[in-house]
Amino acid sequence: MEKLTKNKIQNLIDSNPVMVFMKGTKLMPQCGFSNNVVQILNSLGVDFYTFDVLSDFEIREGIKEFSEWPTIPQVYLKGEFLGGSDILIEMYNSGTLKEKIEIELAS
């Protein structure tokens, strides 16, 4: 991955407490998995920022290498990679996602 791409990804993660790399936007998700993540975060009332990987091929490929995670969407909380759609659904259903977000955003 190019240093420029890596820096761009790192800056997005550092600048936004809750950062989602997804297909489409939060108003218009372009895949079901991205839509799941948006619905979960909206239901928790979380303010989050999204980056549409369909608009930037370098970021789309780079984020997979950056996180060592093969799929999109990818969710970051205060710089920490949380996971994708399946992990978020699991955390949401168990209640750990709400708790983790509240703790992280309070600190």
PDB file of N, CA and C in Angstrom:
ATOM      1  N   MET A   1       0.856  -1.185   0.000  1.00  0.00           N
ATOM      2  CA  MET A   1       0.000   0.000   0.000  1.00  0.00           C
ATOM      3  C   MET A   1       0.900   1.246   0.000  1.00  0.00           C
ATOM      4  N   GLU A   2       0.488   2.221  -0.773  1.00  0.00           N
ATOM      5  CA  GLU A   2       1.249   3.467  -0.829  1.00  0.00           C
ATOM      6  C   GLU A   2       1.146   4.218   0.489  1.00  0.00           C
ATOM      7  N   LYS A   3       2.240   4.908   0.823  1.00  0.00           N
ATOM      8  CA  LYS A   3       2.292   5.688   2.060  1.00  0.00           C
ATOM      9  C   LYS A   3       1.183   6.752   2.085  1.00  0.00           C
ATOM     10  N   LEU A   4       0.920   7.356   0.937  1.00  0.00           N
ATOM     11  CA  LEU A   4      -0.111   8.394   0.823  1.00  0.00           C
ATOM     12  C   LEU A   4      -1.487   7.832   1.192  1.00  0.00           C
ATOM     13  N   THR A   5      -1.790   6.649   0.672  1.00  0.00           N
ATOM     14  CA  THR A   5      -3.079   5.994   0.959  1.00  0.00           C
ATOM     15  C   THR A   5      -3.166   5.646   2.439  1.00  0.00           C
ATOM     16  N   LYS A   6      -2.085   5.082   2.968  1.00  0.00           N
ATOM     17  CA  LYS A   6      -2.052   4.705   4.382  1.00  0.00           C
ATOM     18  C   LYS A   6      -2.257   5.941   5.266  1.00  0.00           C
ATOM     19  N   ASN A   7      -1.600   7.035   4.934  1.00  0.00           N
ATOM     20  CA  ASN A   7      -1.745   8.280   5.695  1.00  0.00           C
ATOM     21  C   ASN A   7      -3.163   8.822   5.628  1.00  0.00           C
ATOM     22  N   LYS A   8      -3.774   8.738   4.444  1.00  0.00           N
ATOM     23  CA  LYS A   8      -5.139   9.227   4.265  1.00  0.00           C
ATOM     24  C   LYS A   8      -6.110   8.421   5.150  1.00  0.00           C
ATOM     25  N   ILE A   9      -5.930   7.094   5.153  1.00  0.00           N
ATOM     26  CA  ILE A   9      -6.769   6.223   5.988  1.00  0.00           C
ATOM     27  C   ILE A   9      -6.559   6.555   7.468  1.00  0.00           C
ATOM     28  N   GLN A  10      -5.289   6.664   7.874  1.00  0.00           N
ATOM     29  CA  GLN A  10      -4.967   6.965   9.272  1.00  0.00           C
ATOM     30  C   GLN A  10      -5.554   8.305   9.701  1.00  0.00           C
ATOM     31  N   ASN A  11      -5.481   9.313   8.826  1.00  0.00           N
ATOM     32  CA  ASN A  11      -6.034  10.635   9.138  1.00  0.00           C
ATOM     33  C   ASN A  11      -7.547  10.584   9.319  1.00  0.00           C
ATOM     34  N   LEU A  12      -8.230   9.827   8.473  1.00  0.00           N
ATOM     35  CA  LEU A  12      -9.688   9.687   8.601  1.00  0.00           C
ATOM     36  C   LEU A  12     -10.042   9.034   9.935  1.00  0.00           C
ATOM     37  N   ILE A  13      -9.300   7.999  10.296  1.00  0.00           N
ATOM     38  CA  ILE A  13      -9.555   7.281  11.560  1.00  0.00           C
ATOM     39  C   ILE A  13      -9.246   8.179  12.765  1.00  0.00           C
ATOM     40  N   ASP A  14      -8.140   8.910  12.683  1.00  0.00           N
ATOM     41  CA  ASP A  14      -7.739   9.785  13.795  1.00  0.00           C
ATOM     42  C   ASP A  14      -8.674  10.977  13.970  1.00  0.00           C
ATOM     43  N   SER A  15      -9.253  11.444  12.876  1.00  0.00           N
ATOM     44  CA  SER A  15     -10.074  12.672  12.913  1.00  0.00           C
ATOM     45  C   SER A  15     -11.523  12.435  13.317  1.00  0.00           C
ATOM     46  N   ASN A  16     -11.957  11.177  13.320  1.00  0.00           N
ATOM     47  CA  ASN A  16     -13.362  10.874  13.568  1.00  0.00           C
ATOM     48  C   ASN A  16     -13.505   9.778  14.620  1.00  0.00           C
ATOM     49  N   PRO A  17     -14.124  10.111  15.778  1.00  0.00           N
ATOM     50  CA  PRO A  17     -14.258   9.120  16.858  1.00  0.00           C
ATOM     51  C   PRO A  17     -14.912   7.813  16.394  1.00  0.00           C
ATOM     52  N   VAL A  18     -15.939   7.919  15.543  1.00  0.00           N
ATOM     53  CA  VAL A  18     -16.559   6.718  14.975  1.00  0.00           C
ATOM     54  C   VAL A  18     -16.473   6.854  13.452  1.00  0.00           C
ATOM     55  N   MET A  19     -15.644   6.015  12.850  1.00  0.00           N
ATOM     56  CA  MET A  19     -15.352   6.087  11.420  1.00  0.00           C
ATOM     57  C   MET A  19     -15.776   4.787  10.745  1.00  0.00           C
ATOM     58  N   VAL A  20     -16.561   4.906   9.678  1.00  0.00           N
ATOM     59  CA  VAL A  20     -17.028   3.732   8.944  1.00  0.00           C
ATOM     60  C   VAL A  20     -16.580   3.822   7.487  1.00  0.00           C
ATOM     61  N   PHE A  21     -15.807   2.834   7.066  1.00  0.00           N
ATOM     62  CA  PHE A  21     -15.449   2.705   5.654  1.00  0.00           C
ATOM     63  C   PHE A  21     -16.482   1.762   5.069  1.00  0.00           C
ATOM     64  N   MET A  22     -17.269   2.253   4.097  1.00  0.00           N
ATOM     65  CA  MET A  22     -18.407   1.483   3.601  1.00  0.00           C
ATOM     66  C   MET A  22     -18.631   1.706   2.121  1.00  0.00           C
ATOM     67  N   LYS A  23     -19.521   0.902   1.556  1.00  0.00           N
ATOM     68  CA  LYS A  23     -19.935   1.091   0.167  1.00  0.00           C
ATOM     69  C   LYS A  23     -21.160   1.997   0.197  1.00  0.00           C
ATOM     70  N   GLY A  24     -21.001   3.190  -0.393  1.00  0.00           N
ATOM     71  CA  GLY A  24     -22.069   4.176  -0.371  1.00  0.00           C
ATOM     72  C   GLY A  24     -21.890   5.140   0.788  1.00  0.00           C
ATOM     73  N   THR A  25     -22.979   5.829   1.128  1.00  0.00           N
ATOM     74  CA  THR A  25     -22.959   6.813   2.209  1.00  0.00           C
ATOM     75  C   THR A  25     -23.994   6.425   3.258  1.00  0.00           C
ATOM     76  N   LYS A  26     -23.970   7.127   4.399  1.00  0.00           N
ATOM     77  CA  LYS A  26     -24.940   6.763   5.441  1.00  0.00           C
ATOM     78  C   LYS A  26     -26.375   7.035   4.998  1.00  0.00           C
ATOM     79  N   LEU A  27     -26.552   7.971   4.074  1.00  0.00           N
ATOM     80  CA  LEU A  27     -27.898   8.251   3.564  1.00  0.00           C
ATOM     81  C   LEU A  27     -28.287   7.293   2.432  1.00  0.00           C
ATOM     82  N   MET A  28     -27.275   6.739   1.764  1.00  0.00           N
ATOM     83  CA  MET A  28     -27.533   5.862   0.625  1.00  0.00           C
ATOM     84  C   MET A  28     -26.521   4.707   0.588  1.00  0.00           C
ATOM     85  N   PRO A  29     -26.645   3.759   1.539  1.00  0.00           N
ATOM     86  CA  PRO A  29     -25.729   2.611   1.534  1.00  0.00           C
ATOM     87  C   PRO A  29     -25.891   1.821   0.233  1.00  0.00           C
ATOM     88  N   GLN A  30     -24.765   1.332  -0.281  1.00  0.00           N
ATOM     89  CA  GLN A  30     -24.790   0.620  -1.551  1.00  0.00           C
ATOM     90  C   GLN A  30     -24.704  -0.898  -1.406  1.00  0.00           C
ATOM     91  N   CYS A  31     -24.731  -1.406  -0.183  1.00  0.00           N
ATOM     92  CA  CYS A  31     -24.798  -2.861   0.011  1.00  0.00           C
ATOM     93  C   CYS A  31     -25.475  -3.144   1.344  1.00  0.00           C
ATOM     94  N   GLY A  32     -26.004  -4.352   1.461  1.00  0.00           N
ATOM     95  CA  GLY A  32     -26.744  -4.733   2.664  1.00  0.00           C
ATOM     96  C   GLY A  32     -25.914  -4.693   3.929  1.00  0.00           C
ATOM     97  N   PHE A  33     -24.642  -5.075   3.814  1.00  0.00           N
ATOM     98  CA  PHE A  33     -23.779  -5.104   5.005  1.00  0.00           C
ATOM     99  C   PHE A  33     -23.509  -3.685   5.502  1.00  0.00           C
ATOM    100  N   SER A  34     -23.252  -2.774   4.562  1.00  0.00           N
ATOM    101  CA  SER A  34     -23.048  -1.372   4.936  1.00  0.00           C
ATOM    102  C   SER A  34     -24.319  -0.806   5.551  1.00  0.00           C
ATOM    103  N   ASN A  35     -25.457  -1.167   4.982  1.00  0.00           N
ATOM    104  CA  ASN A  35     -26.741  -0.712   5.501  1.00  0.00           C
ATOM    105  C   ASN A  35     -26.957  -1.206   6.933  1.00  0.00           C
ATOM    106  N   ASN A  36     -26.588  -2.460   7.225  1.00  0.00           N
ATOM    107  CA  ASN A  36     -26.712  -3.002   8.587  1.00  0.00           C
ATOM    108  C   ASN A  36     -25.963  -2.133   9.585  1.00  0.00           C
ATOM    109  N   VAL A  37     -24.724  -1.781   9.244  1.00  0.00           N
ATOM    110  CA  VAL A  37     -23.882  -0.978  10.135  1.00  0.00           C
ATOM    111  C   VAL A  37     -24.505   0.397  10.364  1.00  0.00           C
ATOM    112  N   VAL A  38     -24.982   1.025   9.301  1.00  0.00           N
ATOM    113  CA  VAL A  38     -25.620   2.340   9.409  1.00  0.00           C
ATOM    114  C   VAL A  38     -26.850   2.261  10.313  1.00  0.00           C
ATOM    115  N   GLN A  39     -27.686   1.228  10.122  1.00  0.00           N
ATOM    116  CA  GLN A  39     -28.902   1.065  10.931  1.00  0.00           C
ATOM    117  C   GLN A  39     -28.570   0.882  12.414  1.00  0.00           C
ATOM    118  N   ILE A  40     -27.544   0.087  12.694  1.00  0.00           N
ATOM    119  CA  ILE A  40     -27.127  -0.161  14.078  1.00  0.00           C
ATOM    120  C   ILE A  40     -26.656   1.136  14.732  1.00  0.00           C
ATOM    121  N   LEU A  41     -25.759   1.848  14.064  1.00  0.00           N
ATOM    122  CA  LEU A  41     -25.216   3.086  14.645  1.00  0.00           C
ATOM    123  C   LEU A  41     -26.310   4.146  14.793  1.00  0.00           C
ATOM    124  N   ASN A  42     -27.205   4.231  13.815  1.00  0.00           N
ATOM    125  CA  ASN A  42     -28.323   5.173  13.921  1.00  0.00           C
ATOM    126  C   ASN A  42     -29.228   4.822  15.094  1.00  0.00           C
ATOM    127  N   SER A  43     -29.487   3.532  15.293  1.00  0.00           N
ATOM    128  CA  SER A  43     -30.385   3.117  16.380  1.00  0.00           C
ATOM    129  C   SER A  43     -29.780   3.414  17.751  1.00  0.00           C
ATOM    130  N   LEU A  44     -28.441   3.462  17.811  1.00  0.00           N
ATOM    131  CA  LEU A  44     -27.771   3.795  19.072  1.00  0.00           C
ATOM    132  C   LEU A  44     -27.617   5.311  19.243  1.00  0.00           C
ATOM    133  N   GLY A  45     -28.009   6.060  18.225  1.00  0.00           N
ATOM    134  CA  GLY A  45     -27.909   7.517  18.286  1.00  0.00           C
ATOM    135  C   GLY A  45     -26.474   8.011  18.247  1.00  0.00           C
ATOM    136  N   VAL A  46     -25.617   7.244  17.598  1.00  0.00           N
ATOM    137  CA  VAL A  46     -24.201   7.578  17.535  1.00  0.00           C
ATOM    138  C   VAL A  46     -23.929   8.504  16.353  1.00  0.00           C
ATOM    139  N   ASP A  47     -23.134   9.540  16.598  1.00  0.00           N
ATOM    140  CA  ASP A  47     -22.687  10.413  15.530  1.00  0.00           C
ATOM    141  C   ASP A  47     -21.492   9.725  14.881  1.00  0.00           C
ATOM    142  N   PHE A  48     -21.569   9.446  13.585  1.00  0.00           N
ATOM    143  CA  PHE A  48     -20.467   8.751  12.926  1.00  0.00           C
ATOM    144  C   PHE A  48     -20.196   9.339  11.550  1.00  0.00           C
ATOM    145  N   TYR A  49     -18.974   9.153  11.100  1.00  0.00           N
ATOM    146  CA  TYR A  49     -18.541   9.663   9.810  1.00  0.00           C
ATOM    147  C   TYR A  49     -18.308   8.480   8.889  1.00  0.00           C
ATOM    148  N   THR A  50     -18.684   8.631   7.602  1.00  0.00           N
ATOM    149  CA  THR A  50     -18.478   7.529   6.659  1.00  0.00           C
ATOM    150  C   THR A  50     -17.581   7.963   5.510  1.00  0.00           C
ATOM    151  N   PHE A  51     -16.916   6.977   4.937  1.00  0.00           N
ATOM    152  CA  PHE A  51     -16.134   7.189   3.717  1.00  0.00           C
ATOM    153  C   PHE A  51     -16.614   6.167   2.703  1.00  0.00           C
ATOM    154  N   ASP A  52     -17.016   6.642   1.529  1.00  0.00           N
ATOM    155  CA  ASP A  52     -17.507   5.767   0.469  1.00  0.00           C
ATOM    156  C   ASP A  52     -16.324   5.182  -0.296  1.00  0.00           C
ATOM    157  N   VAL A  53     -16.034   3.899  -0.056  1.00  0.00           N
ATOM    158  CA  VAL A  53     -14.886   3.260  -0.707  1.00  0.00           C
ATOM    159  C   VAL A  53     -15.096   3.094  -2.211  1.00  0.00           C
ATOM    160  N   LEU A  54     -16.341   3.173  -2.663  1.00  0.00           N
ATOM    161  CA  LEU A  54     -16.606   3.063  -4.096  1.00  0.00           C
ATOM    162  C   LEU A  54     -16.081   4.287  -4.849  1.00  0.00           C
ATOM    163  N   SER A  55     -15.875   5.374  -4.117  1.00  0.00           N
ATOM    164  CA  SER A  55     -15.399   6.613  -4.737  1.00  0.00           C
ATOM    165  C   SER A  55     -13.878   6.674  -4.839  1.00  0.00           C
ATOM    166  N   ASP A  56     -13.173   5.721  -4.230  1.00  0.00           N
ATOM    167  CA  ASP A  56     -11.712   5.781  -4.191  1.00  0.00           C
ATOM    168  C   ASP A  56     -11.131   4.365  -4.162  1.00  0.00           C
ATOM    169  N   PHE A  57     -10.643   3.913  -5.319  1.00  0.00           N
ATOM    170  CA  PHE A  57     -10.131   2.544  -5.440  1.00  0.00           C
ATOM    171  C   PHE A  57      -8.962   2.280  -4.497  1.00  0.00           C
ATOM    172  N   GLU A  58      -8.065   3.262  -4.354  1.00  0.00           N
ATOM    173  CA  GLU A  58      -6.884   3.090  -3.485  1.00  0.00           C
ATOM    174  C   GLU A  58      -7.296   2.820  -2.038  1.00  0.00           C
ATOM    175  N   ILE A  59      -8.260   3.595  -1.557  1.00  0.00           N
ATOM    176  CA  ILE A  59      -8.743   3.412  -0.177  1.00  0.00           C
ATOM    177  C   ILE A  59      -9.507   2.093  -0.065  1.00  0.00           C
ATOM    178  N   ARG A  60     -10.284   1.791  -1.088  1.00  0.00           N
ATOM    179  CA  ARG A  60     -11.081   0.548  -1.079  1.00  0.00           C
ATOM    180  C   ARG A  60     -10.184  -0.672  -0.893  1.00  0.00           C
ATOM    181  N   GLU A  61      -9.067  -0.711  -1.604  1.00  0.00           N
ATOM    182  CA  GLU A  61      -8.136  -1.831  -1.480  1.00  0.00           C
ATOM    183  C   GLU A  61      -7.236  -1.654  -0.257  1.00  0.00           C
ATOM    184  N   GLY A  62      -6.818  -0.408  -0.011  1.00  0.00           N
ATOM    185  CA  GLY A  62      -5.889  -0.110   1.073  1.00  0.00           C
ATOM    186  C   GLY A  62      -6.433  -0.403   2.454  1.00  0.00           C
ATOM    187  N   ILE A  63      -7.732  -0.159   2.660  1.00  0.00           N
ATOM    188  CA  ILE A  63      -8.321  -0.353   3.991  1.00  0.00           C
ATOM    189  C   ILE A  63      -8.277  -1.833   4.395  1.00  0.00           C
ATOM    190  N   LYS A  64      -8.384  -2.719   3.409  1.00  0.00           N
ATOM    191  CA  LYS A  64      -8.344  -4.161   3.694  1.00  0.00           C
ATOM    192  C   LYS A  64      -6.964  -4.567   4.209  1.00  0.00           C
ATOM    193  N   GLU A  65      -5.933  -3.976   3.606  1.00  0.00           N
ATOM    194  CA  GLU A  65      -4.557  -4.237   4.024  1.00  0.00           C
ATOM    195  C   GLU A  65      -4.273  -3.552   5.367  1.00  0.00           C
ATOM    196  N   PHE A  66      -4.776  -2.334   5.501  1.00  0.00           N
ATOM    197  CA  PHE A  66      -4.571  -1.527   6.704  1.00  0.00           C
ATOM    198  C   PHE A  66      -5.055  -2.268   7.952  1.00  0.00           C
ATOM    199  N   SER A  67      -6.247  -2.841   7.872  1.00  0.00           N
ATOM    200  CA  SER A  67      -6.869  -3.496   9.032  1.00  0.00           C
ATOM    201  C   SER A  67      -6.593  -4.999   9.065  1.00  0.00           C
ATOM    202  N   GLU A  68      -6.015  -5.507   7.988  1.00  0.00           N
ATOM    203  CA  GLU A  68      -5.861  -6.958   7.822  1.00  0.00           C
ATOM    204  C   GLU A  68      -7.221  -7.653   7.934  1.00  0.00           C
ATOM    205  N   TRP A  69      -8.234  -7.023   7.341  1.00  0.00           N
ATOM    206  CA  TRP A  69      -9.611  -7.530   7.345  1.00  0.00           C
ATOM    207  C   TRP A  69     -10.098  -7.467   5.901  1.00  0.00           C
ATOM    208  N   PRO A  70     -10.590  -8.585   5.342  1.00  0.00           N
ATOM    209  CA  PRO A  70     -10.844  -8.654   3.903  1.00  0.00           C
ATOM    210  C   PRO A  70     -12.129  -8.004   3.398  1.00  0.00           C
ATOM    211  N   THR A  71     -13.031  -7.643   4.295  1.00  0.00           N
ATOM    212  CA  THR A  71     -14.338  -7.174   3.819  1.00  0.00           C
ATOM    213  C   THR A  71     -14.643  -5.739   4.237  1.00  0.00           C
ATOM    214  N   ILE A  72     -15.620  -5.180   3.555  1.00  0.00           N
ATOM    215  CA  ILE A  72     -16.131  -3.836   3.828  1.00  0.00           C
ATOM    216  C   ILE A  72     -17.609  -4.019   4.104  1.00  0.00           C
ATOM    217  N   PRO A  73     -18.210  -3.337   5.055  1.00  0.00           N
ATOM    218  CA  PRO A  73     -17.721  -2.179   5.801  1.00  0.00           C
ATOM    219  C   PRO A  73     -16.733  -2.526   6.914  1.00  0.00           C
ATOM    220  N   GLN A  74     -16.034  -1.484   7.341  1.00  0.00           N
ATOM    221  CA  GLN A  74     -15.128  -1.581   8.479  1.00  0.00           C
ATOM    222  C   GLN A  74     -15.411  -0.413   9.411  1.00  0.00           C
ATOM    223  N   VAL A  75     -15.521  -0.722  10.696  1.00  0.00           N
ATOM    224  CA  VAL A  75     -15.868   0.296  11.688  1.00  0.00           C
ATOM    225  C   VAL A  75     -14.710   0.488  12.671  1.00  0.00           C
ATOM    226  N   TYR A  76     -14.364   1.756  12.888  1.00  0.00           N
ATOM    227  CA  TYR A  76     -13.319   2.125  13.841  1.00  0.00           C
ATOM    228  C   TYR A  76     -13.931   2.993  14.929  1.00  0.00           C
ATOM    229  N   LEU A  77     -13.520   2.724  16.168  1.00  0.00           N
ATOM    230  CA  LEU A  77     -13.970   3.508  17.317  1.00  0.00           C
ATOM    231  C   LEU A  77     -12.735   4.043  18.022  1.00  0.00           C
ATOM    232  N   LYS A  78     -12.591   5.358  18.048  1.00  0.00           N
ATOM    233  CA  LYS A  78     -11.439   6.013  18.689  1.00  0.00           C
ATOM    234  C   LYS A  78     -10.117   5.378  18.233  1.00  0.00           C
ATOM    235  N   GLY A  79     -10.015   5.123  16.931  1.00  0.00           N
ATOM    236  CA  GLY A  79      -8.787   4.587  16.361  1.00  0.00           C
ATOM    237  C   GLY A  79      -8.650   3.080  16.398  1.00  0.00           C
ATOM    238  N   GLU A  80      -9.557   2.405  17.088  1.00  0.00           N
ATOM    239  CA  GLU A  80      -9.481   0.947  17.206  1.00  0.00           C
ATOM    240  C   GLU A  80     -10.426   0.290  16.204  1.00  0.00           C
ATOM    241  N   PHE A  81      -9.917  -0.706  15.483  1.00  0.00           N
ATOM    242  CA  PHE A  81     -10.754  -1.435  14.536  1.00  0.00           C
ATOM    243  C   PHE A  81     -11.716  -2.335  15.302  1.00  0.00           C
ATOM    244  N   LEU A  82     -13.018  -2.103  15.117  1.00  0.00           N
ATOM    245  CA  LEU A  82     -14.024  -2.930  15.799  1.00  0.00           C
ATOM    246  C   LEU A  82     -14.377  -4.162  14.984  1.00  0.00           C
ATOM    247  N   GLY A  83     -14.558  -3.976  13.675  1.00  0.00           N
ATOM    248  CA  GLY A  83     -14.931  -5.099  12.832  1.00  0.00           C
ATOM    249  C   GLY A  83     -15.864  -4.667  11.728  1.00  0.00           C
ATOM    250  N   GLY A  84     -16.487  -5.663  11.116  1.00  0.00           N
ATOM    251  CA  GLY A  84     -17.418  -5.419  10.028  1.00  0.00           C
ATOM    252  C   GLY A  84     -18.845  -5.646  10.477  1.00  0.00           C
ATOM    253  N   SER A  85     -19.701  -5.880   9.503  1.00  0.00           N
ATOM    254  CA  SER A  85     -21.134  -6.012   9.742  1.00  0.00           C
ATOM    255  C   SER A  85     -21.468  -7.127  10.739  1.00  0.00           C
ATOM    256  N   ASP A  86     -20.922  -8.326  10.530  1.00  0.00           N
ATOM    257  CA  ASP A  86     -21.242  -9.468  11.397  1.00  0.00           C
ATOM    258  C   ASP A  86     -20.855  -9.218  12.845  1.00  0.00           C
ATOM    259  N   ILE A  87     -19.654  -8.678  13.035  1.00  0.00           N
ATOM    260  CA  ILE A  87     -19.165  -8.408  14.391  1.00  0.00           C
ATOM    261  C   ILE A  87     -20.022  -7.330  15.058  1.00  0.00           C
ATOM    262  N   LEU A  88     -20.380  -6.291  14.302  1.00  0.00           N
ATOM    263  CA  LEU A  88     -21.212  -5.232  14.869  1.00  0.00           C
ATOM    264  C   LEU A  88     -22.595  -5.750  15.262  1.00  0.00           C
ATOM    265  N   ILE A  89     -23.175  -6.598  14.416  1.00  0.00           N
ATOM    266  CA  ILE A  89     -24.493  -7.180  14.737  1.00  0.00           C
ATOM    267  C   ILE A  89     -24.399  -7.996  16.028  1.00  0.00           C
ATOM    268  N   GLU A  90     -23.343  -8.794  16.127  1.00  0.00           N
ATOM    269  CA  GLU A  90     -23.119  -9.617  17.321  1.00  0.00           C
ATOM    270  C   GLU A  90     -22.980  -8.745  18.575  1.00  0.00           C
ATOM    271  N   MET A  91     -22.135  -7.707  18.474  1.00  0.00           N
ATOM    272  CA  MET A  91     -21.910  -6.807  19.606  1.00  0.00           C
ATOM    273  C   MET A  91     -23.180  -6.039  19.970  1.00  0.00           C
ATOM    274  N   TYR A  92     -23.937  -5.642  18.944  1.00  0.00           N
ATOM    275  CA  TYR A  92     -25.185  -4.905  19.168  1.00  0.00           C
ATOM    276  C   TYR A  92     -26.183  -5.789  19.921  1.00  0.00           C
ATOM    277  N   ASN A  93     -26.339  -7.011  19.448  1.00  0.00           N
ATOM    278  CA  ASN A  93     -27.303  -7.939  20.057  1.00  0.00           C
ATOM    279  C   ASN A  93     -26.948  -8.304  21.489  1.00  0.00           C
ATOM    280  N   SER A  94     -25.658  -8.341  21.797  1.00  0.00           N
ATOM    281  CA  SER A  94     -25.232  -8.700  23.156  1.00  0.00           C
ATOM    282  C   SER A  94     -25.207  -7.481  24.088  1.00  0.00           C
ATOM    283  N   GLY A  95     -25.323  -6.277  23.501  1.00  0.00           N
ATOM    284  CA  GLY A  95     -25.301  -5.059  24.313  1.00  0.00           C
ATOM    285  C   GLY A  95     -23.900  -4.488  24.515  1.00  0.00           C
ATOM    286  N   THR A  96     -22.888  -5.215  24.077  1.00  0.00           N
ATOM    287  CA  THR A  96     -21.514  -4.742  24.305  1.00  0.00           C
ATOM    288  C   THR A  96     -21.154  -3.542  23.427  1.00  0.00           C
ATOM    289  N   LEU A  97     -21.791  -3.433  22.257  1.00  0.00           N
ATOM    290  CA  LEU A  97     -21.469  -2.321  21.360  1.00  0.00           C
ATOM    291  C   LEU A  97     -21.861  -0.981  21.989  1.00  0.00           C
ATOM    292  N   LYS A  98     -23.086  -0.899  22.486  1.00  0.00           N
ATOM    293  CA  LYS A  98     -23.581   0.334  23.117  1.00  0.00           C
ATOM    294  C   LYS A  98     -22.673   0.731  24.280  1.00  0.00           C
ATOM    295  N   GLU A  99     -22.352  -0.249  25.096  1.00  0.00           N
ATOM    296  CA  GLU A  99     -21.504  -0.030  26.271  1.00  0.00           C
ATOM    297  C   GLU A  99     -20.112   0.476  25.858  1.00  0.00           C
ATOM    298  N   LYS A 100     -19.502  -0.196  24.895  1.00  0.00           N
ATOM    299  CA  LYS A 100     -18.159   0.155  24.437  1.00  0.00           C
ATOM    300  C   LYS A 100     -18.136   1.563  23.844  1.00  0.00           C
ATOM    301  N   ILE A 101     -19.138   1.876  23.024  1.00  0.00           N
ATOM    302  CA  ILE A 101     -19.199   3.202  22.400  1.00  0.00           C
ATOM    303  C   ILE A 101     -19.373   4.287  23.466  1.00  0.00           C
ATOM    304  N   GLU A 102     -20.269   4.049  24.414  1.00  0.00           N
ATOM    305  CA  GLU A 102     -20.510   5.031  25.484  1.00  0.00           C
ATOM    306  C   GLU A 102     -19.239   5.286  26.282  1.00  0.00           C
ATOM    307  N   ILE A 103     -18.532   4.221  26.638  1.00  0.00           N
ATOM    308  CA  ILE A 103     -17.301   4.349  27.425  1.00  0.00           C
ATOM    309  C   ILE A 103     -16.226   5.106  26.621  1.00  0.00           C
ATOM    310  N   GLU A 104     -16.019   4.697  25.375  1.00  0.00           N
ATOM    311  CA  GLU A 104     -14.988   5.299  24.536  1.00  0.00           C
ATOM    312  C   GLU A 104     -15.260   6.775  24.252  1.00  0.00           C
ATOM    313  N   LEU A 105     -16.500   7.097  23.933  1.00  0.00           N
ATOM    314  CA  LEU A 105     -16.825   8.475  23.581  1.00  0.00           C
ATOM    315  C   LEU A 105     -16.860   9.390  24.804  1.00  0.00           C
ATOM    316  N   ALA A 106     -17.014   8.810  25.979  1.00  0.00           N
ATOM    317  CA  ALA A 106     -17.030   9.601  27.213  1.00  0.00           C
ATOM    318  C   ALA A 106     -15.608   9.980  27.636  1.00  0.00           C
ATOM    319  N   SER A 107     -14.644   9.161  27.222  1.00  0.00           N
ATOM    320  CA  SER A 107     -13.257   9.396  27.676  1.00  0.00           C
ATOM    321  C   SER A 107     -12.535  10.402  26.806  1.00  0.00           C
TER     322      SER A 107
END
